[in-house]
């Protein structure tokens, strides 16, 4: 499904894409972020790649409607370029993001050791009810068909510290992607939004750990730091942990690893957490 990442130029630093559904009636935030990155990449010199992005979701995106991406060129430097992009549907902004790009440098690197988990070939693609309950994903949607997920454990679980919830997933983009590193960065951005909100929900309370569908969730923000070039159509391990929730919000931290044990990217996300039994109106973020 590489075409999900496509945007078309419609004017100077202005692009157009189509927003697809992740769960019923809701646009997938990772799809919007991936297309926003694709739009920004069209304004960047070829000798540099993204090393970080930070986005906010001010309002919910409507699936199957056109999205207009307007890019601002904030800096073109010798080593670093900086861009801002806003995604619009009609007169409303549904996503805003800053992204920084840099020229590669020869340098030593270090990172922690990847967790020891079973290989994806030894695990099942659960799908169906598991996707809806534990990943908030409809497998029949375009977004659902574009990803492959094999959870290390069926449910998120208590972490190594009190108040912490954790989970590990093998993920990859379905189908073959072109060799372009920029394309794989977009696909990684797409995948990085998978299941983070549910990890925060499970750690929120004993009742939500048993039935996450009793809680309304929607993304407030999303950040990625890119440490290594990736192959997003190959299996990657996504480890997630949530250590704090309260005030109607939950926070999740993630790490994405290659099969060779390289730390590819780090992610963070904050989401709204509200009981569906409450009468308080909920904000209209994209989820």
Foldseek 3Di string as FASTA:
>chain_A
DLCLLDWADDDVQKIKHFFWDWAPFFTQPLSVVLNLLVSVVVVDDPQKAWFKKKKFFQFTDTHGAMKMKHKDFPDDDPFKTKIKIFIDDPHDTGMIMIIMMGHDDDDDDDDDFDDDADDQVVFDQPDDPLCCFQFVGHCVIPLNVQKTKTWSDSAWDADPDPLKTKTKIKMATPDADDPDLSSLVSLVSSVVSTRQFSRQQLSPDVVCVVGVVQKDKAWGMKMKGFDDRDRRRDIKMKMKMWRDDDPQKTKMKIWIADPVGHTGMIMMTMMGIDGPVDPDDDGRHRD
